[in-house]
C-alpha atoms as a PDB file:
ATOM      1  CA  UNK A   1       3.265   5.449   3.504  1.00  0.00           C
ATOM      2  CA  UNK A   2       3.444   4.306  -0.073  1.00  0.00           C
ATOM      3  CA  UNK A   3       3.024   0.907  -1.639  1.00  0.00           C
ATOM      4  CA  UNK A   4       4.997   0.960  -4.882  1.00  0.00           C
ATOM      5  CA  UNK A   5       4.840  -1.414  -7.804  1.00  0.00           C
ATOM      6  CA  UNK A   6       7.943  -0.919  -9.880  1.00  0.00           C
ATOM      7  CA  UNK A   7      10.130  -2.992 -12.134  1.00  0.00           C
ATOM      8  CA  UNK A   8      12.598  -4.898  -9.982  1.00  0.00           C
ATOM      9  CA  UNK A   9      16.234  -5.760 -10.617  1.00  0.00           C
ATOM     10  CA  UNK A  10      15.287  -8.800 -12.670  1.00  0.00           C
ATOM     11  CA  UNK A  11      12.785  -6.745 -14.735  1.00  0.00           C
ATOM     12  CA  UNK A  12       9.905  -8.472 -12.947  1.00  0.00           C
ATOM     13  CA  UNK A  13       7.558  -5.962 -11.304  1.00  0.00           C
ATOM     14  CA  UNK A  14       7.614  -6.068  -7.525  1.00  0.00           C
ATOM     15  CA  UNK A  15       5.532  -4.497  -4.783  1.00  0.00           C
ATOM     16  CA  UNK A  16       7.255  -2.818  -1.860  1.00  0.00           C
ATOM     17  CA  UNK A  17       6.293  -0.593   1.043  1.00  0.00           C
ATOM     18  CA  UNK A  18       8.251   2.654   1.395  1.00  0.00           C
ATOM     19  CA  UNK A  19       8.067   5.784   3.562  1.00  0.00           C
ATOM     20  CA  UNK A  20       6.762   3.618   6.415  1.00  0.00           C
ATOM     21  CA  UNK A  21       7.024   6.418   8.994  1.00  0.00           C
ATOM     22  CA  UNK A  22       4.817   8.797   6.993  1.00  0.00           C
ATOM     23  CA  UNK A  23       1.360   7.665   8.046  1.00  0.00           C
ATOM     24  CA  UNK A  24      -0.318  10.918   7.061  1.00  0.00           C
ATOM     25  CA  UNK A  25      -0.996   9.667   3.552  1.00  0.00           C
ATOM     26  CA  UNK A  26      -1.326   6.179   2.112  1.00  0.00           C
ATOM     27  CA  UNK A  27      -1.498   5.426  -1.591  1.00  0.00           C
ATOM     28  CA  UNK A  28      -0.401   2.990  -4.286  1.00  0.00           C
ATOM     29  CA  UNK A  29       2.233   4.294  -6.689  1.00  0.00           C
ATOM     30  CA  UNK A  30       2.691   2.526 -10.018  1.00  0.00           C
ATOM     31  CA  UNK A  31       5.899   2.736 -12.013  1.00  0.00           C
ATOM     32  CA  UNK A  32       6.188   1.799 -15.673  1.00  0.00           C
ATOM     33  CA  UNK A  33       4.050  -1.332 -15.318  1.00  0.00           C
ATOM     34  CA  UNK A  34       0.787  -2.460 -16.864  1.00  0.00           C
ATOM     35  CA  UNK A  35      -2.342  -2.921 -14.771  1.00  0.00           C
ATOM     36  CA  UNK A  36      -1.900  -6.680 -15.190  1.00  0.00           C
ATOM     37  CA  UNK A  37       1.695  -6.523 -13.919  1.00  0.00           C
ATOM     38  CA  UNK A  38       0.622  -4.364 -10.986  1.00  0.00           C
ATOM     39  CA  UNK A  39      -2.165  -6.778 -10.095  1.00  0.00           C
ATOM     40  CA  UNK A  40       0.199  -9.746 -10.277  1.00  0.00           C
ATOM     41  CA  UNK A  41       2.865  -8.047  -8.131  1.00  0.00           C
ATOM     42  CA  UNK A  42       0.337  -6.969  -5.489  1.00  0.00           C
ATOM     43  CA  UNK A  43      -1.232 -10.414  -5.298  1.00  0.00           C
ATOM     44  CA  UNK A  44       2.149 -12.185  -5.266  1.00  0.00           C
ATOM     45  CA  UNK A  45       3.314  -9.990  -2.366  1.00  0.00           C
ATOM     46  CA  UNK A  46       0.034 -10.429  -0.497  1.00  0.00           C
ATOM     47  CA  UNK A  47      -0.299  -6.655  -0.185  1.00  0.00           C
ATOM     48  CA  UNK A  48      -3.560  -6.305  -2.073  1.00  0.00           C
ATOM     49  CA  UNK A  49      -5.159  -5.963  -5.447  1.00  0.00           C
ATOM     50  CA  UNK A  50      -5.821  -3.356  -8.093  1.00  0.00           C
ATOM     51  CA  UNK A  51      -9.507  -2.571  -8.677  1.00  0.00           C
ATOM     52  CA  UNK A  52      -8.980  -0.219 -11.611  1.00  0.00           C
ATOM     53  CA  UNK A  53      -6.586   2.473 -12.820  1.00  0.00           C
ATOM     54  CA  UNK A  54      -7.564   4.784  -9.945  1.00  0.00           C
ATOM     55  CA  UNK A  55      -8.298   2.497  -6.991  1.00  0.00           C
ATOM     56  CA  UNK A  56      -6.622  -0.373  -5.149  1.00  0.00           C
ATOM     57  CA  UNK A  57      -7.436  -2.418  -2.075  1.00  0.00           C
ATOM     58  CA  UNK A  58      -4.577  -3.094   0.331  1.00  0.00           C
ATOM     59  CA  UNK A  59      -4.525  -5.871   2.914  1.00  0.00           C
ATOM     60  CA  UNK A  60      -4.297  -4.209   6.340  1.00  0.00           C
ATOM     61  CA  UNK A  61      -2.482  -7.083   8.084  1.00  0.00           C
ATOM     62  CA  UNK A  62       0.026  -7.569   5.254  1.00  0.00           C
ATOM     63  CA  UNK A  63       0.695  -3.849   5.037  1.00  0.00           C
ATOM     64  CA  UNK A  64       1.328  -3.598   8.763  1.00  0.00           C
ATOM     65  CA  UNK A  65       3.551  -6.700   8.722  1.00  0.00           C
ATOM     66  CA  UNK A  66       5.637  -5.204   5.910  1.00  0.00           C
ATOM     67  CA  UNK A  67       5.927  -1.742   7.467  1.00  0.00           C
ATOM     68  CA  UNK A  68       6.106  -2.118  11.246  1.00  0.00           C
ATOM     69  CA  UNK A  69       9.519  -3.846  11.456  1.00  0.00           C
ATOM     70  CA  UNK A  70      11.085  -0.939   9.533  1.00  0.00           C
ATOM     71  CA  UNK A  71       9.328   1.837  11.447  1.00  0.00           C
ATOM     72  CA  UNK A  72      11.658   4.251  13.164  1.00  0.00           C
ATOM     73  CA  UNK A  73       9.220   6.183  15.315  1.00  0.00           C
ATOM     74  CA  UNK A  74       8.395   4.996  18.832  1.00  0.00           C
ATOM     75  CA  UNK A  75       4.747   6.003  18.457  1.00  0.00           C
ATOM     76  CA  UNK A  76       4.337   4.268  15.090  1.00  0.00           C
ATOM     77  CA  UNK A  77       1.736   1.759  16.281  1.00  0.00           C
ATOM     78  CA  UNK A  78      -0.410   4.516  17.782  1.00  0.00           C
ATOM     79  CA  UNK A  79      -0.196   6.498  14.544  1.00  0.00           C
ATOM     80  CA  UNK A  80      -0.960   3.319  12.534  1.00  0.00           C
ATOM     81  CA  UNK A  81      -4.126   2.771  14.587  1.00  0.00           C
ATOM     82  CA  UNK A  82      -5.091   6.410  14.006  1.00  0.00           C
ATOM     83  CA  UNK A  83      -4.570   6.013  10.255  1.00  0.00           C
ATOM     84  CA  UNK A  84      -6.777   2.915  10.167  1.00  0.00           C
ATOM     85  CA  UNK A  85      -9.441   4.636  12.294  1.00  0.00           C
ATOM     86  CA  UNK A  86      -9.349   7.619   9.931  1.00  0.00           C
ATOM     87  CA  UNK A  87      -9.814   5.324   6.936  1.00  0.00           C
ATOM     88  CA  UNK A  88     -12.797   3.729   8.685  1.00  0.00           C
ATOM     89  CA  UNK A  89     -14.396   7.132   9.358  1.00  0.00           C
ATOM     90  CA  UNK A  90     -13.874   8.085   5.686  1.00  0.00           C
ATOM     91  CA  UNK A  91     -15.467   4.841   4.447  1.00  0.00           C
ATOM     92  CA  UNK A  92     -12.188   3.511   3.001  1.00  0.00           C
ATOM     93  CA  UNK A  93     -11.900   0.520   5.358  1.00  0.00           C
ATOM     94  CA  UNK A  94     -13.859  -2.645   4.592  1.00  0.00           C
ATOM     95  CA  UNK A  95     -16.585  -3.650   7.047  1.00  0.00           C
ATOM     96  CA  UNK A  96     -14.412  -6.479   8.388  1.00  0.00           C
ATOM     97  CA  UNK A  97     -11.371  -4.182   8.717  1.00  0.00           C
ATOM     98  CA  UNK A  98      -9.271  -6.372   6.420  1.00  0.00           C
ATOM     99  CA  UNK A  99      -8.748  -4.024   3.463  1.00  0.00           C
ATOM    100  CA  UNK A 100      -8.086  -0.341   2.887  1.00  0.00           C
ATOM    101  CA  UNK A 101      -9.201   1.424  -0.276  1.00  0.00           C
ATOM    102  CA  UNK A 102      -6.446   3.686  -1.614  1.00  0.00           C
ATOM    103  CA  UNK A 103      -5.857   5.990  -4.557  1.00  0.00           C
ATOM    104  CA  UNK A 104      -3.480   4.953  -7.355  1.00  0.00           C
ATOM    105  CA  UNK A 105      -0.818   7.435  -8.480  1.00  0.00           C
ATOM    106  CA  UNK A 106       2.162   7.431 -10.792  1.00  0.00           C
ATOM    107  CA  UNK A 107       5.556   6.515  -9.338  1.00  0.00           C
ATOM    108  CA  UNK A 108       7.405   8.394 -12.043  1.00  0.00           C
ATOM    109  CA  UNK A 109      10.369   8.966  -9.770  1.00  0.00           C
ATOM    110  CA  UNK A 110      10.548   5.373  -8.543  1.00  0.00           C
END
């Protein structure tokens, strides 16, 4: 699953969740946007916040709410729970379970 921040149709950066059925890897992909634009788009969407150029924190509930309705696999919820459990075991889930720490990558193709 990927959270992308890319320039939208009206040239205003927007955050969107793509590849919702691929729960084997979760990251934030930034298009041709500044860190400030990325932060604004993530906060406006409720999906999370950018910590720095390499790390972001995504809101678990908002991410699930954005992805689950578009999931095509019948076992998606089970795989979602496994992804969250894996993040917890790797120390990437906050103590309260509300946020996931993810790596930031380039969305050059987005």
